[in-house]
Amino acid sequence: MAATGPNAAFKAHFAAYIGLSIVLVVVNLIVSGTVSWAILFVVGWGAPLALHCAYAMNLFGRGSG
């Protein structure tokens, strides 16, 4: 049975972020020899991921009330 809720959604989001980040950094290193454009992806997706983490940890005070 698959888990549901904010924590399960965050875990899936985080796994996709890590997997795709690794792939894109490797592709970037192969193509250009440096991590140039891949850092934009990592930061650009990392910021919303941090917000998703805060939501999953209930730092916005949602839920009871």
C-alpha atoms as a PDB file:
ATOM      1  CA  MET A   1       0.000   0.000   0.000  1.00  0.00           C
ATOM      2  CA  ALA A   2       1.441   3.347  -1.015  1.00  0.00           C
ATOM      3  CA  ALA A   3       1.808   6.069   1.591  1.00  0.00           C
ATOM      4  CA  THR A   4      -0.131   9.281   1.091  1.00  0.00           C
ATOM      5  CA  GLY A   5       0.030  12.789   2.460  1.00  0.00           C
ATOM      6  CA  PRO A   6       2.539  15.617   2.555  1.00  0.00           C
ATOM      7  CA  ASN A   7       5.491  13.490   3.693  1.00  0.00           C
ATOM      8  CA  ALA A   8       5.015  10.896   0.967  1.00  0.00           C
ATOM      9  CA  ALA A   9       4.636  13.600  -1.658  1.00  0.00           C
ATOM     10  CA  PHE A  10       7.785  15.311  -0.411  1.00  0.00           C
ATOM     11  CA  LYS A  11       9.760  12.058  -0.510  1.00  0.00           C
ATOM     12  CA  ALA A  12       8.733  11.518  -4.134  1.00  0.00           C
ATOM     13  CA  HIS A  13       9.568  15.145  -4.997  1.00  0.00           C
ATOM     14  CA  PHE A  14      12.961  14.856  -3.264  1.00  0.00           C
ATOM     15  CA  ALA A  15      13.799  11.560  -4.992  1.00  0.00           C
ATOM     16  CA  ALA A  16      12.963  13.046  -8.391  1.00  0.00           C
ATOM     17  CA  TYR A  17      15.058  16.131  -7.599  1.00  0.00           C
ATOM     18  CA  ILE A  18      18.117  14.107  -6.558  1.00  0.00           C
ATOM     19  CA  GLY A  19      17.864  11.711  -9.495  1.00  0.00           C
ATOM     20  CA  LEU A  20      17.421  14.369 -12.130  1.00  0.00           C
ATOM     21  CA  SER A  21      20.070  16.600 -10.566  1.00  0.00           C
ATOM     22  CA  ILE A  22      22.643  13.810 -10.764  1.00  0.00           C
ATOM     23  CA  VAL A  23      21.756  13.047 -14.383  1.00  0.00           C
ATOM     24  CA  LEU A  24      21.896  16.692 -15.452  1.00  0.00           C
ATOM     25  CA  VAL A  25      25.178  17.392 -13.656  1.00  0.00           C
ATOM     26  CA  VAL A  26      26.770  14.345 -15.307  1.00  0.00           C
ATOM     27  CA  VAL A  27      25.435  15.380 -18.737  1.00  0.00           C
ATOM     28  CA  ASN A  28      26.681  18.925 -18.149  1.00  0.00           C
ATOM     29  CA  LEU A  29      30.142  17.645 -17.184  1.00  0.00           C
ATOM     30  CA  ILE A  30      30.319  15.415 -20.261  1.00  0.00           C
ATOM     31  CA  VAL A  31      29.155  18.130 -22.650  1.00  0.00           C
ATOM     32  CA  SER A  32      31.022  21.161 -21.356  1.00  0.00           C
ATOM     33  CA  GLY A  33      33.580  19.874 -18.856  1.00  0.00           C
ATOM     34  CA  THR A  34      32.277  22.165 -16.104  1.00  0.00           C
ATOM     35  CA  VAL A  35      29.094  22.511 -14.112  1.00  0.00           C
ATOM     36  CA  SER A  36      27.737  25.639 -15.743  1.00  0.00           C
ATOM     37  CA  TRP A  37      24.030  25.442 -16.551  1.00  0.00           C
ATOM     38  CA  ALA A  38      23.269  22.492 -14.264  1.00  0.00           C
ATOM     39  CA  ILE A  39      23.686  24.686 -11.188  1.00  0.00           C
ATOM     40  CA  LEU A  40      20.761  26.814 -12.405  1.00  0.00           C
ATOM     41  CA  PHE A  41      18.562  23.733 -12.405  1.00  0.00           C
ATOM     42  CA  VAL A  42      19.740  22.615  -8.971  1.00  0.00           C
ATOM     43  CA  VAL A  43      19.099  26.023  -7.393  1.00  0.00           C
ATOM     44  CA  GLY A  44      15.951  26.718  -9.408  1.00  0.00           C
ATOM     45  CA  TRP A  45      14.266  23.498  -8.328  1.00  0.00           C
ATOM     46  CA  GLY A  46      15.896  23.443  -4.895  1.00  0.00           C
ATOM     47  CA  ALA A  47      14.162  26.612  -3.700  1.00  0.00           C
ATOM     48  CA  PRO A  48      10.606  25.309  -4.268  1.00  0.00           C
ATOM     49  CA  LEU A  49      11.726  21.963  -2.853  1.00  0.00           C
ATOM     50  CA  ALA A  50      12.741  23.738   0.369  1.00  0.00           C
ATOM     51  CA  LEU A  51       9.249  25.248   0.566  1.00  0.00           C
ATOM     52  CA  HIS A  52       7.741  21.804   0.002  1.00  0.00           C
ATOM     53  CA  CYS A  53       9.918  20.470   2.825  1.00  0.00           C
ATOM     54  CA  ALA A  54       8.703  23.233   5.156  1.00  0.00           C
ATOM     55  CA  TYR A  55       5.093  22.414   4.215  1.00  0.00           C
ATOM     56  CA  ALA A  56       5.646  18.687   4.844  1.00  0.00           C
ATOM     57  CA  MET A  57       7.201  19.480   8.244  1.00  0.00           C
ATOM     58  CA  ASN A  58       4.147  21.623   9.094  1.00  0.00           C
ATOM     59  CA  LEU A  59       6.224  24.775   9.569  1.00  0.00           C
ATOM     60  CA  PHE A  60       3.413  26.920   8.143  1.00  0.00           C
ATOM     61  CA  GLY A  61       1.031  25.982  10.954  1.00  0.00           C
ATOM     62  CA  ARG A  62      -1.576  24.215   8.846  1.00  0.00           C
ATOM     63  CA  GLY A  63      -3.714  21.404  10.129  1.00  0.00           C
ATOM     64  CA  SER A  64      -5.365  21.678  13.517  1.00  0.00           C
ATOM     65  CA  GLY A  65      -7.614  24.693  13.839  1.00  0.00           C
END
